[in-house]
C-alpha cells in the first residue's frame, strides 16, 4: 500500500474521474436527445 503525503495527486485523480463521468453522462443525454 503506497502512502501519498500530498493530497494534490489524489484530488487531481478525483477531479479527472468526476469530469470523465460528467462527460459520459452528457454524451448519453445527447445520444438520447438525438435519437
N, C-alpha and C. Protein backbone atom coordinates (compact mmCIF):
# COMPACT_ATOMS: atom_id res chain seq x y z
N UNK A 1 0.85 -1.19 0.00
CA UNK A 1 0.00 0.00 0.00
C UNK A 1 0.89 1.24 0.00
N UNK A 2 0.71 2.07 -1.01
CA UNK A 2 1.56 3.26 -1.11
C UNK A 2 0.89 4.45 -0.42
N UNK A 3 1.68 5.15 0.38
CA UNK A 3 1.14 6.30 1.10
C UNK A 3 1.55 7.59 0.38
N UNK A 4 0.57 8.42 0.05
CA UNK A 4 0.86 9.68 -0.65
C UNK A 4 0.71 10.83 0.34
N UNK A 5 1.82 11.50 0.67
CA UNK A 5 1.78 12.59 1.64
C UNK A 5 0.93 13.76 1.16
N UNK A 6 1.10 14.14 -0.09
CA UNK A 6 0.35 15.28 -0.60
C UNK A 6 -0.98 14.80 -1.19
N UNK A 7 -2.04 15.52 -0.89
CA UNK A 7 -3.37 15.12 -1.35
C UNK A 7 -3.66 15.70 -2.73
N UNK A 8 -2.68 16.43 -3.29
CA UNK A 8 -2.89 17.06 -4.59
C UNK A 8 -3.10 16.02 -5.67
N UNK A 9 -2.29 14.95 -5.63
CA UNK A 9 -2.39 13.92 -6.67
C UNK A 9 -3.76 13.23 -6.60
N UNK A 10 -4.19 12.91 -5.37
CA UNK A 10 -5.48 12.24 -5.20
C UNK A 10 -6.60 13.17 -5.65
N UNK A 11 -6.49 14.45 -5.29
CA UNK A 11 -7.52 15.41 -5.66
C UNK A 11 -7.60 15.53 -7.18
N UNK A 12 -6.44 15.54 -7.84
CA UNK A 12 -6.41 15.65 -9.30
C UNK A 12 -7.05 14.42 -9.93
N UNK A 13 -6.75 13.24 -9.37
CA UNK A 13 -7.33 11.99 -9.88
C UNK A 13 -8.85 12.02 -9.72
N UNK A 14 -9.31 12.50 -8.54
CA UNK A 14 -10.75 12.56 -8.28
C UNK A 14 -11.42 13.52 -9.26
N UNK A 15 -10.74 14.64 -9.52
CA UNK A 15 -11.31 15.64 -10.43
C UNK A 15 -11.42 15.07 -11.85
N UNK A 16 -10.38 14.38 -12.30
CA UNK A 16 -10.42 13.83 -13.66
C UNK A 16 -11.50 12.76 -13.76
N UNK A 17 -11.65 11.96 -12.70
CA UNK A 17 -12.68 10.91 -12.70
C UNK A 17 -14.07 11.53 -12.78
N UNK A 18 -14.28 12.59 -11.99
CA UNK A 18 -15.58 13.26 -11.97
C UNK A 18 -15.86 13.87 -13.34
N UNK A 19 -14.84 14.46 -13.95
CA UNK A 19 -15.01 15.09 -15.26
C UNK A 19 -15.36 14.04 -16.31
N UNK A 20 -14.69 12.89 -16.24
CA UNK A 20 -14.95 11.82 -17.21
C UNK A 20 -16.38 11.32 -17.05
N UNK A 21 -16.82 11.17 -15.79
CA UNK A 21 -18.18 10.69 -15.56
C UNK A 21 -19.20 11.70 -16.08
N UNK A 22 -18.91 13.00 -15.87
CA UNK A 22 -19.81 14.04 -16.34
C UNK A 22 -19.88 14.02 -17.86
N UNK A 23 -18.74 13.85 -18.51
CA UNK A 23 -18.69 13.80 -19.97
C UNK A 23 -19.49 12.61 -20.48
N UNK A 24 -19.38 11.48 -19.79
CA UNK A 24 -20.11 10.28 -20.20
C UNK A 24 -21.61 10.51 -20.09
N UNK A 25 -22.04 11.15 -19.00
CA UNK A 25 -23.47 11.43 -18.81
C UNK A 25 -23.96 12.40 -19.88
N UNK A 26 -23.14 13.40 -20.20
CA UNK A 26 -23.52 14.37 -21.22
C UNK A 26 -23.67 13.70 -22.58
N UNK A 27 -22.74 12.82 -22.92
CA UNK A 27 -22.80 12.13 -24.21
C UNK A 27 -24.04 11.24 -24.27
N UNK A 28 -24.37 10.58 -23.16
CA UNK A 28 -25.55 9.71 -23.12
C UNK A 28 -26.82 10.55 -23.30
N UNK A 29 -26.87 11.69 -22.64
CA UNK A 29 -28.04 12.57 -22.76
C UNK A 29 -28.17 13.08 -24.19
N UNK A 30 -27.04 13.46 -24.79
CA UNK A 30 -27.06 13.94 -26.17
C UNK A 30 -27.54 12.85 -27.11
N UNK A 31 -27.07 11.62 -26.91
CA UNK A 31 -27.48 10.49 -27.74
C UNK A 31 -28.99 10.27 -27.60
N UNK A 32 -29.49 10.35 -26.37
CA UNK A 32 -30.93 10.15 -26.12
C UNK A 32 -31.74 11.24 -26.81
N UNK A 33 -31.23 12.48 -26.77
CA UNK A 33 -31.95 13.59 -27.39
C UNK A 33 -31.96 13.45 -28.91
N UNK A 34 -30.84 13.02 -29.48
CA UNK A 34 -30.75 12.89 -30.93
C UNK A 34 -31.66 11.77 -31.43
N UNK A 35 -31.64 10.64 -30.72
CA UNK A 35 -32.49 9.52 -31.13
C UNK A 35 -33.92 9.79 -30.66
